[in-house]
Amino acid sequence: MSEQGREPGQADPWRTRRVMRLYASGETIPLISRSVGWSEGRVHKVLREAGVVLTEEGAALARRNSEEARRSLLGAGWEARTRGGLVAWRRPDGSGSWYSQEVAFEILEAENEVLEDRRSDRQS
């Protein structure tokens, strides 16, 4: 045991939470690495240990999609908050629960499809 009460090689819990929060908000691995003071390899290891499995190409695509989803949600008036180290989203009208970004984006897309269907029905 070290002086700080952790096993040797064990990650700082606050840094691990920060890595997860930053990754969930769509930040890049290099930026996360600089923010927490770890190497990119260490950030990758922490993400792998948390169950995140992405290839480099998949990681870039996921970040791009994540950023697009975040922008769409913010543009539609959704409220973002960090909860338990992850970003959670609530509907603009404040109703309902807090959702992960993925679920919130699916809800937003479904709502947009319903609006488009209503518009096309009115035009016909």
C-alpha atoms as a PDB file:
ATOM      1  CA  MET A   1       0.000   0.000   0.000  1.00  0.00           C
ATOM      2  CA  SER A   2       1.153   3.489  -0.770  1.00  0.00           C
ATOM      3  CA  GLU A   3       0.986   6.539   1.495  1.00  0.00           C
ATOM      4  CA  GLN A   4      -2.300   7.520  -0.162  1.00  0.00           C
ATOM      5  CA  GLY A   5      -4.013   4.231   0.750  1.00  0.00           C
ATOM      6  CA  ARG A   6      -4.070   2.808  -2.784  1.00  0.00           C
ATOM      7  CA  GLU A   7      -2.503  -0.283  -4.212  1.00  0.00           C
ATOM      8  CA  PRO A   8       0.551   0.473  -6.386  1.00  0.00           C
ATOM      9  CA  GLY A   9      -0.526   1.134  -9.967  1.00  0.00           C
ATOM     10  CA  GLN A  10      -4.134   1.873  -9.017  1.00  0.00           C
ATOM     11  CA  ALA A  11      -5.563   4.967 -10.736  1.00  0.00           C
ATOM     12  CA  ASP A  12      -6.611   8.081  -8.859  1.00  0.00           C
ATOM     13  CA  PRO A  13     -10.411   7.751  -8.519  1.00  0.00           C
ATOM     14  CA  TRP A  14     -11.004  11.439  -9.271  1.00  0.00           C
ATOM     15  CA  ARG A  15      -8.891  11.238 -12.432  1.00  0.00           C
ATOM     16  CA  THR A  16     -10.713   8.125 -13.576  1.00  0.00           C
ATOM     17  CA  ARG A  17     -14.065   9.868 -13.064  1.00  0.00           C
ATOM     18  CA  ARG A  18     -12.783  12.915 -14.907  1.00  0.00           C
ATOM     19  CA  VAL A  19     -11.563  10.774 -17.829  1.00  0.00           C
ATOM     20  CA  MET A  20     -14.995   9.138 -18.089  1.00  0.00           C
ATOM     21  CA  ARG A  21     -16.819  12.471 -17.839  1.00  0.00           C
ATOM     22  CA  LEU A  22     -14.642  14.096 -20.495  1.00  0.00           C
ATOM     23  CA  TYR A  23     -14.895  11.091 -22.802  1.00  0.00           C
ATOM     24  CA  ALA A  24     -18.688  10.969 -22.404  1.00  0.00           C
ATOM     25  CA  SER A  25     -18.884  14.650 -23.308  1.00  0.00           C
ATOM     26  CA  GLY A  26     -17.075  13.944 -26.583  1.00  0.00           C
ATOM     27  CA  GLU A  27     -13.576  15.194 -25.819  1.00  0.00           C
ATOM     28  CA  THR A  28     -10.618  13.721 -27.705  1.00  0.00           C
ATOM     29  CA  ILE A  29      -8.107  11.364 -26.102  1.00  0.00           C
ATOM     30  CA  PRO A  30      -5.199  13.861 -26.464  1.00  0.00           C
ATOM     31  CA  LEU A  31      -7.239  16.594 -24.754  1.00  0.00           C
ATOM     32  CA  ILE A  32      -8.332  14.224 -21.977  1.00  0.00           C
ATOM     33  CA  SER A  33      -4.714  13.162 -21.537  1.00  0.00           C
ATOM     34  CA  ARG A  34      -3.546  16.763 -21.088  1.00  0.00           C
ATOM     35  CA  SER A  35      -6.474  17.598 -18.796  1.00  0.00           C
ATOM     36  CA  VAL A  36      -5.776  14.821 -16.300  1.00  0.00           C
ATOM     37  CA  GLY A  37      -1.988  14.720 -16.637  1.00  0.00           C
ATOM     38  CA  TRP A  38      -1.810  11.150 -17.905  1.00  0.00           C
ATOM     39  CA  SER A  39      -0.350   9.690 -21.078  1.00  0.00           C
ATOM     40  CA  GLU A  40      -2.730   8.849 -23.910  1.00  0.00           C
ATOM     41  CA  GLY A  41      -1.932   5.190 -23.298  1.00  0.00           C
ATOM     42  CA  ARG A  42      -3.054   5.459 -19.675  1.00  0.00           C
ATOM     43  CA  VAL A  43      -6.286   7.170 -20.762  1.00  0.00           C
ATOM     44  CA  HIS A  44      -6.882   4.359 -23.278  1.00  0.00           C
ATOM     45  CA  LYS A  45      -6.266   1.786 -20.521  1.00  0.00           C
ATOM     46  CA  VAL A  46      -8.749   3.444 -18.150  1.00  0.00           C
ATOM     47  CA  LEU A  47     -11.369   3.573 -20.916  1.00  0.00           C
ATOM     48  CA  ARG A  48     -10.750  -0.103 -21.800  1.00  0.00           C
ATOM     49  CA  GLU A  49     -11.089  -1.068 -18.127  1.00  0.00           C
ATOM     50  CA  ALA A  50     -14.427   0.764 -18.085  1.00  0.00           C
ATOM     51  CA  GLY A  51     -15.628  -1.323 -21.034  1.00  0.00           C
ATOM     52  CA  VAL A  52     -15.115   1.167 -23.859  1.00  0.00           C
ATOM     53  CA  VAL A  53     -14.048  -0.790 -26.952  1.00  0.00           C
ATOM     54  CA  LEU A  54     -13.182   1.307 -29.996  1.00  0.00           C
ATOM     55  CA  THR A  55     -10.706   1.042 -32.803  1.00  0.00           C
ATOM     56  CA  GLU A  56      -8.876   4.221 -33.750  1.00  0.00           C
ATOM     57  CA  GLU A  57     -11.190   4.688 -36.739  1.00  0.00           C
ATOM     58  CA  GLY A  58     -14.204   3.885 -34.578  1.00  0.00           C
ATOM     59  CA  ALA A  59     -13.014   6.294 -31.915  1.00  0.00           C
ATOM     60  CA  ALA A  60     -12.844   9.146 -34.407  1.00  0.00           C
ATOM     61  CA  LEU A  61     -16.293   8.304 -35.753  1.00  0.00           C
ATOM     62  CA  ALA A  62     -17.743   7.991 -32.246  1.00  0.00           C
ATOM     63  CA  ARG A  63     -16.261  11.365 -31.238  1.00  0.00           C
ATOM     64  CA  ARG A  64     -17.632  13.018 -34.373  1.00  0.00           C
ATOM     65  CA  ASN A  65     -21.083  11.465 -33.839  1.00  0.00           C
ATOM     66  CA  SER A  66     -20.953  12.330 -30.149  1.00  0.00           C
ATOM     67  CA  GLU A  67     -20.117  15.952 -30.912  1.00  0.00           C
ATOM     68  CA  GLU A  68     -22.883  16.174 -33.519  1.00  0.00           C
ATOM     69  CA  ALA A  69     -25.371  14.676 -31.046  1.00  0.00           C
ATOM     70  CA  ARG A  70     -24.256  17.115 -28.322  1.00  0.00           C
ATOM     71  CA  ARG A  71     -24.682  20.086 -30.659  1.00  0.00           C
ATOM     72  CA  SER A  72     -28.117  18.864 -31.785  1.00  0.00           C
ATOM     73  CA  LEU A  73     -29.278  18.412 -28.198  1.00  0.00           C
ATOM     74  CA  LEU A  74     -28.001  21.827 -27.122  1.00  0.00           C
ATOM     75  CA  GLY A  75     -29.549  23.429 -30.224  1.00  0.00           C
ATOM     76  CA  ALA A  76     -32.908  21.847 -29.375  1.00  0.00           C
ATOM     77  CA  GLY A  77     -32.751  23.277 -25.851  1.00  0.00           C
ATOM     78  CA  TRP A  78     -31.879  20.126 -23.897  1.00  0.00           C
ATOM     79  CA  GLU A  79     -30.159  20.700 -20.544  1.00  0.00           C
ATOM     80  CA  ALA A  80     -26.830  18.974 -19.867  1.00  0.00           C
ATOM     81  CA  ARG A  81     -25.522  18.153 -16.409  1.00  0.00           C
ATOM     82  CA  THR A  82     -22.725  16.039 -15.047  1.00  0.00           C
ATOM     83  CA  ARG A  83     -24.137  13.257 -12.899  1.00  0.00           C
ATOM     84  CA  GLY A  84     -21.993  10.551 -11.361  1.00  0.00           C
ATOM     85  CA  GLY A  85     -19.072  11.563 -13.541  1.00  0.00           C
ATOM     86  CA  LEU A  86     -21.080  11.282 -16.785  1.00  0.00           C
ATOM     87  CA  VAL A  87     -23.039  13.819 -18.793  1.00  0.00           C
ATOM     88  CA  ALA A  88     -26.818  13.454 -18.478  1.00  0.00           C
ATOM     89  CA  TRP A  89     -29.473  15.267 -20.516  1.00  0.00           C
ATOM     90  CA  ARG A  90     -33.005  16.484 -19.724  1.00  0.00           C
ATOM     91  CA  ARG A  91     -35.730  17.582 -22.135  1.00  0.00           C
ATOM     92  CA  PRO A  92     -36.183  21.318 -22.789  1.00  0.00           C
ATOM     93  CA  ASP A  93     -39.544  21.367 -20.994  1.00  0.00           C
ATOM     94  CA  GLY A  94     -37.947  19.816 -17.899  1.00  0.00           C
ATOM     95  CA  SER A  95     -40.216  16.780 -17.989  1.00  0.00           C
ATOM     96  CA  GLY A  96     -39.003  13.245 -17.683  1.00  0.00           C
ATOM     97  CA  SER A  97     -35.851  11.752 -16.341  1.00  0.00           C
ATOM     98  CA  TRP A  98     -32.232  12.469 -17.070  1.00  0.00           C
ATOM     99  CA  TYR A  99     -30.913  10.462 -20.019  1.00  0.00           C
ATOM    100  CA  SER A 100     -27.521   9.438 -21.357  1.00  0.00           C
ATOM    101  CA  GLN A 101     -26.488  11.368 -24.458  1.00  0.00           C
ATOM    102  CA  GLU A 102     -27.179   8.357 -26.672  1.00  0.00           C
ATOM    103  CA  VAL A 103     -30.723   7.891 -25.355  1.00  0.00           C
ATOM    104  CA  ALA A 104     -31.438  11.631 -25.382  1.00  0.00           C
ATOM    105  CA  PHE A 105     -30.331  11.864 -29.015  1.00  0.00           C
ATOM    106  CA  GLU A 106     -32.576   8.917 -29.941  1.00  0.00           C
ATOM    107  CA  ILE A 107     -35.520  10.686 -28.262  1.00  0.00           C
ATOM    108  CA  LEU A 108     -34.702  13.907 -30.124  1.00  0.00           C
ATOM    109  CA  GLU A 109     -34.503  12.066 -33.463  1.00  0.00           C
ATOM    110  CA  ALA A 110     -37.834  10.319 -32.798  1.00  0.00           C
ATOM    111  CA  GLU A 111     -39.485  13.639 -31.925  1.00  0.00           C
ATOM    112  CA  ASN A 112     -38.076  15.197 -35.108  1.00  0.00           C
ATOM    113  CA  GLU A 113     -39.417  12.306 -37.214  1.00  0.00           C
ATOM    114  CA  VAL A 114     -42.894  12.771 -35.728  1.00  0.00           C
ATOM    115  CA  LEU A 115     -42.775  16.507 -36.543  1.00  0.00           C
ATOM    116  CA  GLU A 116     -41.652  15.796 -40.119  1.00  0.00           C
ATOM    117  CA  ASP A 117     -44.458  13.244 -40.558  1.00  0.00           C
ATOM    118  CA  ARG A 118     -47.012  15.784 -39.337  1.00  0.00           C
ATOM    119  CA  ARG A 119     -45.668  18.413 -41.749  1.00  0.00           C
ATOM    120  CA  SER A 120     -45.799  16.041 -44.708  1.00  0.00           C
ATOM    121  CA  ASP A 121     -49.380  15.014 -43.767  1.00  0.00           C
ATOM    122  CA  ARG A 122     -50.466  18.670 -43.735  1.00  0.00           C
ATOM    123  CA  GLN A 123     -48.903  19.315 -47.128  1.00  0.00           C
ATOM    124  CA  SER A 124     -50.641  16.354 -48.787  1.00  0.00           C
END
